[in-house]
Amino acid sequence: MSTLTQKAQGLRSTLPRSGGGTPPQDSGVRLATLPRPEGELRFTWNEYEGRFYLRFQLWSKGDDGSFWPVKGQGFTIKVKELPDLAEGVQRALDMALSEAGKTSGGSSTYRSSEGVGAPF
């Protein structure tokens, strides 16, 4: 083995496995955390330059056990969009409760005023 290879391996063994650095902190108020196989989905209330927004972000666990946000796996909701989101969540809850109350084992489709929903 060459001296260069030995030095490279020696240096490599001293470096952090996850790429180093300190994991970022969630800057917002966490409203909910949903476990996922690949980590957790965090729902937070945030502020940027005096404007508030909601953020959904997937976080994965690093080699050292700390959580890191997954690039490209998050999105935001503006406060002005919150009423539409709330109405959509209410409709989803109604649909889920309707399906949970059914005793038949068959597949069904929810129909709303906006058309046919997804089959359950």
N, C-alpha and C. Protein backbone atom coordinates (compact mmCIF):
# COMPACT_ATOMS: atom_id res chain seq x y z
N MET A 1 0.85 -1.17 0.00
CA MET A 1 0.00 0.00 0.00
C MET A 1 0.89 1.23 0.00
N SER A 2 0.55 2.20 -0.83
CA SER A 2 1.37 3.40 -0.95
C SER A 2 1.17 4.30 0.26
N THR A 3 2.14 5.18 0.47
CA THR A 3 2.08 6.13 1.57
C THR A 3 0.87 7.05 1.42
N LEU A 4 0.57 7.45 0.19
CA LEU A 4 -0.56 8.33 -0.06
C LEU A 4 -1.88 7.64 0.34
N THR A 5 -2.01 6.37 -0.01
CA THR A 5 -3.21 5.62 0.33
C THR A 5 -3.34 5.48 1.85
N GLN A 6 -2.22 5.22 2.53
CA GLN A 6 -2.24 5.10 3.98
C GLN A 6 -2.66 6.42 4.64
N LYS A 7 -2.13 7.52 4.13
CA LYS A 7 -2.49 8.83 4.68
C LYS A 7 -3.97 9.14 4.42
N ALA A 8 -4.44 8.79 3.22
CA ALA A 8 -5.84 9.02 2.90
C ALA A 8 -6.75 8.22 3.83
N GLN A 9 -6.41 6.96 4.06
CA GLN A 9 -7.21 6.13 4.97
C GLN A 9 -7.13 6.65 6.40
N GLY A 10 -5.97 7.10 6.80
CA GLY A 10 -5.82 7.67 8.14
C GLY A 10 -6.68 8.91 8.33
N LEU A 11 -6.68 9.79 7.34
CA LEU A 11 -7.49 10.99 7.42
C LEU A 11 -8.98 10.64 7.38
N ARG A 12 -9.34 9.73 6.50
CA ARG A 12 -10.74 9.32 6.36
C ARG A 12 -11.29 8.79 7.68
N SER A 13 -10.48 8.04 8.44
CA SER A 13 -10.95 7.46 9.70
C SER A 13 -11.20 8.52 10.77
N THR A 14 -10.65 9.72 10.60
CA THR A 14 -10.86 10.78 11.60
C THR A 14 -12.03 11.70 11.26
N LEU A 15 -12.54 11.59 10.03
CA LEU A 15 -13.63 12.47 9.59
C LEU A 15 -14.98 11.95 10.05
N PRO A 16 -15.94 12.85 10.33
CA PRO A 16 -17.29 12.42 10.70
C PRO A 16 -17.93 11.63 9.57
N ARG A 17 -18.70 10.60 9.91
CA ARG A 17 -19.32 9.73 8.90
C ARG A 17 -20.42 10.44 8.14
N SER A 18 -21.17 11.36 8.77
CA SER A 18 -22.33 11.95 8.10
C SER A 18 -21.99 13.21 7.32
N GLY A 19 -20.75 13.52 7.16
CA GLY A 19 -20.38 14.71 6.42
C GLY A 19 -20.05 15.87 7.34
N GLY A 20 -20.27 15.68 8.61
CA GLY A 20 -19.91 16.71 9.59
C GLY A 20 -20.92 17.82 9.69
N GLY A 21 -20.57 18.78 10.47
CA GLY A 21 -21.46 19.90 10.66
C GLY A 21 -22.47 19.67 11.76
N THR A 22 -23.16 20.71 12.07
CA THR A 22 -24.20 20.66 13.09
C THR A 22 -25.55 20.64 12.40
N PRO A 23 -26.42 19.72 12.79
CA PRO A 23 -27.73 19.68 12.14
C PRO A 23 -28.49 20.98 12.38
N PRO A 24 -29.23 21.46 11.38
CA PRO A 24 -30.00 22.69 11.56
C PRO A 24 -31.14 22.48 12.55
N GLN A 25 -31.52 23.55 13.20
CA GLN A 25 -32.64 23.50 14.13
C GLN A 25 -33.90 23.96 13.43
N ASP A 26 -35.02 23.35 13.80
CA ASP A 26 -36.31 23.83 13.32
C ASP A 26 -36.51 25.22 13.90
N SER A 27 -36.68 26.22 13.05
CA SER A 27 -36.80 27.58 13.54
C SER A 27 -38.23 27.94 13.90
N GLY A 28 -39.20 27.15 13.44
CA GLY A 28 -40.60 27.45 13.69
C GLY A 28 -41.15 26.71 14.89
N VAL A 29 -42.42 26.95 15.13
CA VAL A 29 -43.15 26.25 16.18
C VAL A 29 -43.70 24.96 15.57
N ARG A 30 -43.29 23.83 16.12
CA ARG A 30 -43.73 22.56 15.56
C ARG A 30 -45.18 22.30 15.96
N LEU A 31 -46.02 22.10 14.95
CA LEU A 31 -47.44 21.85 15.16
C LEU A 31 -47.76 20.36 15.16
N ALA A 32 -47.02 19.60 14.37
CA ALA A 32 -47.25 18.15 14.30
C ALA A 32 -46.00 17.48 13.75
N THR A 33 -45.81 16.23 14.15
CA THR A 33 -44.73 15.39 13.63
C THR A 33 -45.35 14.06 13.24
N LEU A 34 -45.19 13.69 11.97
CA LEU A 34 -45.75 12.44 11.47
C LEU A 34 -44.61 11.48 11.13
N PRO A 35 -44.55 10.32 11.79
CA PRO A 35 -43.48 9.37 11.51
C PRO A 35 -43.58 8.83 10.09
N ARG A 36 -42.45 8.68 9.45
CA ARG A 36 -42.34 8.11 8.11
C ARG A 36 -41.21 7.09 8.14
N PRO A 37 -41.26 6.08 7.25
CA PRO A 37 -40.17 5.09 7.22
C PRO A 37 -38.81 5.74 7.01
N GLU A 38 -38.78 6.82 6.21
CA GLU A 38 -37.51 7.47 5.89
C GLU A 38 -37.14 8.58 6.87
N GLY A 39 -37.96 8.78 7.92
CA GLY A 39 -37.68 9.84 8.90
C GLY A 39 -38.95 10.33 9.54
N GLU A 40 -39.18 11.64 9.44
CA GLU A 40 -40.41 12.20 9.97
C GLU A 40 -40.81 13.43 9.16
N LEU A 41 -42.11 13.64 9.04
CA LEU A 41 -42.65 14.81 8.36
C LEU A 41 -43.03 15.81 9.43
N ARG A 42 -42.43 16.99 9.37
CA ARG A 42 -42.69 18.03 10.37
C ARG A 42 -43.56 19.12 9.76
N PHE A 43 -44.54 19.55 10.54
CA PHE A 43 -45.46 20.61 10.16
C PHE A 43 -45.22 21.75 11.15
N THR A 44 -44.74 22.90 10.65
CA THR A 44 -44.34 24.00 11.54
C THR A 44 -44.93 25.33 11.11
N TRP A 45 -45.06 26.23 12.09
CA TRP A 45 -45.50 27.62 11.90
C TRP A 45 -44.22 28.45 11.93
N ASN A 46 -43.96 29.22 10.87
CA ASN A 46 -42.70 29.95 10.73
C ASN A 46 -42.94 31.41 10.38
N GLU A 47 -41.88 32.20 10.51
CA GLU A 47 -41.92 33.61 10.13
C GLU A 47 -40.65 33.94 9.34
N TYR A 48 -40.83 34.69 8.27
CA TYR A 48 -39.69 35.16 7.49
C TYR A 48 -39.97 36.60 7.10
N GLU A 49 -39.09 37.49 7.50
CA GLU A 49 -39.20 38.92 7.20
C GLU A 49 -40.58 39.47 7.53
N GLY A 50 -41.07 39.08 8.71
CA GLY A 50 -42.35 39.59 9.20
C GLY A 50 -43.58 38.92 8.61
N ARG A 51 -43.39 37.91 7.78
CA ARG A 51 -44.53 37.20 7.18
C ARG A 51 -44.57 35.77 7.70
N PHE A 52 -45.75 35.35 8.05
CA PHE A 52 -45.92 34.01 8.59
C PHE A 52 -46.31 33.02 7.50
N TYR A 53 -45.93 31.76 7.71
CA TYR A 53 -46.26 30.70 6.77
C TYR A 53 -46.19 29.35 7.48
N LEU A 54 -46.78 28.34 6.87
CA LEU A 54 -46.71 26.97 7.35
C LEU A 54 -45.72 26.21 6.49
N ARG A 55 -45.01 25.28 7.10
CA ARG A 55 -44.04 24.49 6.35
C ARG A 55 -44.23 23.01 6.65
N PHE A 56 -44.25 22.21 5.61
CA PHE A 56 -44.22 20.76 5.69
C PHE A 56 -42.84 20.36 5.19
N GLN A 57 -42.07 19.65 6.00
CA GLN A 57 -40.70 19.29 5.61
C GLN A 57 -40.39 17.88 6.08
N LEU A 58 -39.86 17.06 5.16
CA LEU A 58 -39.38 15.74 5.52
C LEU A 58 -37.98 15.86 6.11
N TRP A 59 -37.77 15.23 7.25
CA TRP A 59 -36.46 15.20 7.92
C TRP A 59 -36.04 13.73 8.01
N SER A 60 -34.76 13.45 7.73
CA SER A 60 -34.25 12.08 7.84
C SER A 60 -33.16 12.03 8.90
N LYS A 61 -32.98 10.84 9.45
CA LYS A 61 -32.00 10.65 10.52
C LYS A 61 -30.63 10.36 9.92
N GLY A 62 -29.63 11.10 10.34
CA GLY A 62 -28.26 10.90 9.88
C GLY A 62 -27.61 9.74 10.59
N ASP A 63 -26.39 9.41 10.21
CA ASP A 63 -25.64 8.31 10.82
C ASP A 63 -25.45 8.49 12.31
N ASP A 64 -25.37 9.75 12.74
CA ASP A 64 -25.14 10.02 14.16
C ASP A 64 -26.44 10.13 14.96
N GLY A 65 -27.60 9.90 14.31
CA GLY A 65 -28.88 9.93 14.99
C GLY A 65 -29.58 11.28 14.97
N SER A 66 -28.92 12.31 14.47
CA SER A 66 -29.54 13.64 14.40
C SER A 66 -30.37 13.75 13.12
N PHE A 67 -31.38 14.62 13.16
CA PHE A 67 -32.26 14.79 12.02
C PHE A 67 -31.81 15.95 11.14
N TRP A 68 -31.95 15.74 9.83
CA TRP A 68 -31.57 16.72 8.82
C TRP A 68 -32.73 16.89 7.85
N PRO A 69 -33.01 18.11 7.38
CA PRO A 69 -34.06 18.28 6.37
C PRO A 69 -33.63 17.66 5.05
N VAL A 70 -34.56 17.02 4.36
CA VAL A 70 -34.26 16.38 3.08
C VAL A 70 -34.50 17.40 1.98
N LYS A 71 -33.45 17.69 1.22
CA LYS A 71 -33.54 18.69 0.15
C LYS A 71 -34.60 18.30 -0.87
N GLY A 72 -35.44 19.26 -1.21
CA GLY A 72 -36.47 19.04 -2.22
C GLY A 72 -37.69 18.28 -1.72
N GLN A 73 -37.76 18.01 -0.40
CA GLN A 73 -38.86 17.24 0.14
C GLN A 73 -39.66 18.06 1.16
N GLY A 74 -39.96 19.30 0.79
CA GLY A 74 -40.76 20.16 1.66
C GLY A 74 -41.50 21.19 0.84
N PHE A 75 -42.49 21.81 1.46
CA PHE A 75 -43.23 22.88 0.80
C PHE A 75 -43.84 23.79 1.85
N THR A 76 -44.25 24.97 1.42
CA THR A 76 -44.83 25.95 2.33
C THR A 76 -46.25 26.29 1.89
N ILE A 77 -47.01 26.77 2.86
CA ILE A 77 -48.38 27.25 2.65
C ILE A 77 -48.43 28.68 3.19
N LYS A 78 -48.86 29.62 2.36
CA LYS A 78 -49.01 31.00 2.81
C LYS A 78 -50.23 31.09 3.72
N VAL A 79 -50.21 32.06 4.65
CA VAL A 79 -51.33 32.24 5.56
C VAL A 79 -52.62 32.48 4.78
N LYS A 80 -52.55 33.22 3.68
CA LYS A 80 -53.75 33.48 2.89
C LYS A 80 -54.32 32.20 2.25
N GLU A 81 -53.50 31.12 2.19
CA GLU A 81 -53.96 29.84 1.66
C GLU A 81 -54.52 28.92 2.75
N LEU A 82 -54.35 29.32 4.00
CA LEU A 82 -54.75 28.49 5.14
C LEU A 82 -56.24 28.16 5.16
N PRO A 83 -57.15 29.10 4.87
CA PRO A 83 -58.58 28.73 4.86
C PRO A 83 -58.89 27.61 3.85
N ASP A 84 -58.30 27.67 2.67
CA ASP A 84 -58.53 26.60 1.68
C ASP A 84 -57.96 25.27 2.16
N LEU A 85 -56.80 25.31 2.79
CA LEU A 85 -56.20 24.09 3.34
C LEU A 85 -57.10 23.52 4.43
N ALA A 86 -57.59 24.38 5.32
CA ALA A 86 -58.44 23.92 6.42
C ALA A 86 -59.71 23.27 5.87
N GLU A 87 -60.32 23.87 4.85
CA GLU A 87 -61.51 23.29 4.25
C GLU A 87 -61.20 21.94 3.60
N GLY A 88 -60.05 21.84 2.96
CA GLY A 88 -59.65 20.57 2.35
C GLY A 88 -59.41 19.50 3.39
N VAL A 89 -58.79 19.85 4.50
CA VAL A 89 -58.55 18.89 5.58
C VAL A 89 -59.89 18.46 6.18
N GLN A 90 -60.82 19.41 6.34
CA GLN A 90 -62.15 19.06 6.86
C GLN A 90 -62.85 18.07 5.94
N ARG A 91 -62.77 18.30 4.63
CA ARG A 91 -63.38 17.36 3.69
C ARG A 91 -62.72 15.98 3.77
N ALA A 92 -61.41 15.98 3.91
CA ALA A 92 -60.68 14.70 4.03
C ALA A 92 -61.09 13.96 5.31
N LEU A 93 -61.24 14.69 6.41
CA LEU A 93 -61.69 14.06 7.66
C LEU A 93 -63.09 13.48 7.49
N ASP A 94 -63.99 14.25 6.86
CA ASP A 94 -65.35 13.76 6.61
C ASP A 94 -65.33 12.49 5.78
N MET A 95 -64.50 12.47 4.74
CA MET A 95 -64.39 11.30 3.88
C MET A 95 -63.85 10.10 4.67
N ALA A 96 -62.83 10.31 5.48
CA ALA A 96 -62.24 9.23 6.26
C ALA A 96 -63.24 8.68 7.26
N LEU A 97 -63.98 9.57 7.93
CA LEU A 97 -64.99 9.13 8.89
C LEU A 97 -66.11 8.36 8.19
N SER A 98 -66.50 8.81 7.00
CA SER A 98 -67.52 8.12 6.23
C SER A 98 -67.06 6.71 5.87
N GLU A 99 -65.83 6.58 5.43
CA GLU A 99 -65.29 5.27 5.06
C GLU A 99 -65.12 4.37 6.27
N ALA A 100 -64.70 4.95 7.40
CA ALA A 100 -64.50 4.15 8.61
C ALA A 100 -65.82 3.62 9.14
N GLY A 101 -66.92 4.33 8.86
CA GLY A 101 -68.22 3.91 9.35
C GLY A 101 -68.90 2.86 8.50
N LYS A 102 -68.36 2.58 7.34
CA LYS A 102 -68.97 1.58 6.45
C LYS A 102 -68.60 0.18 6.92
N THR A 103 -69.54 -0.72 6.82
CA THR A 103 -69.28 -2.10 7.24
C THR A 103 -68.96 -3.01 6.08
N SER A 104 -69.23 -2.56 4.85
CA SER A 104 -68.96 -3.42 3.70
C SER A 104 -67.47 -3.48 3.42
N GLY A 105 -67.02 -4.60 2.90
CA GLY A 105 -65.60 -4.77 2.60
C GLY A 105 -65.23 -4.30 1.22
N GLY A 106 -66.21 -3.83 0.44
CA GLY A 106 -65.94 -3.42 -0.93
C GLY A 106 -65.31 -2.06 -1.02
N SER A 107 -64.77 -1.76 -2.18
CA SER A 107 -64.16 -0.46 -2.44
C SER A 107 -65.25 0.54 -2.76
N SER A 108 -65.05 1.79 -2.33
CA SER A 108 -66.03 2.83 -2.63
C SER A 108 -65.30 4.06 -3.13
N THR A 109 -66.08 4.97 -3.70
CA THR A 109 -65.53 6.22 -4.19
C THR A 109 -66.34 7.35 -3.61
N TYR A 110 -65.69 8.35 -3.06
CA TYR A 110 -66.34 9.50 -2.47
C TYR A 110 -66.68 10.49 -3.58
N ARG A 111 -67.90 11.00 -3.58
CA ARG A 111 -68.33 11.98 -4.57
C ARG A 111 -68.54 13.31 -3.86
N SER A 112 -67.93 14.34 -4.37
CA SER A 112 -68.09 15.68 -3.81
C SER A 112 -68.70 16.58 -4.87
N SER A 113 -68.95 17.82 -4.50
CA SER A 113 -69.50 18.78 -5.46
C SER A 113 -68.49 19.10 -6.56
N GLU A 114 -67.23 18.75 -6.34
CA GLU A 114 -66.18 19.04 -7.32
C GLU A 114 -65.86 17.84 -8.19
N GLY A 115 -66.63 16.76 -8.06
CA GLY A 115 -66.37 15.58 -8.89
C GLY A 115 -66.10 14.36 -8.06
N VAL A 116 -65.53 13.39 -8.68
CA VAL A 116 -65.27 12.10 -8.03
C VAL A 116 -63.93 12.14 -7.32
N GLY A 117 -63.95 11.69 -6.08
CA GLY A 117 -62.71 11.65 -5.30
C GLY A 117 -61.96 10.35 -5.53
N ALA A 118 -60.91 10.17 -4.78
CA ALA A 118 -60.07 8.98 -4.92
C ALA A 118 -60.75 7.79 -4.27
N PRO A 119 -60.62 6.59 -4.85
CA PRO A 119 -61.19 5.40 -4.24
C PRO A 119 -60.43 5.05 -2.96
N PHE A 120 -61.14 4.49 -2.03
CA PHE A 120 -60.51 4.07 -0.76
C PHE A 120 -60.33 2.60 -0.73
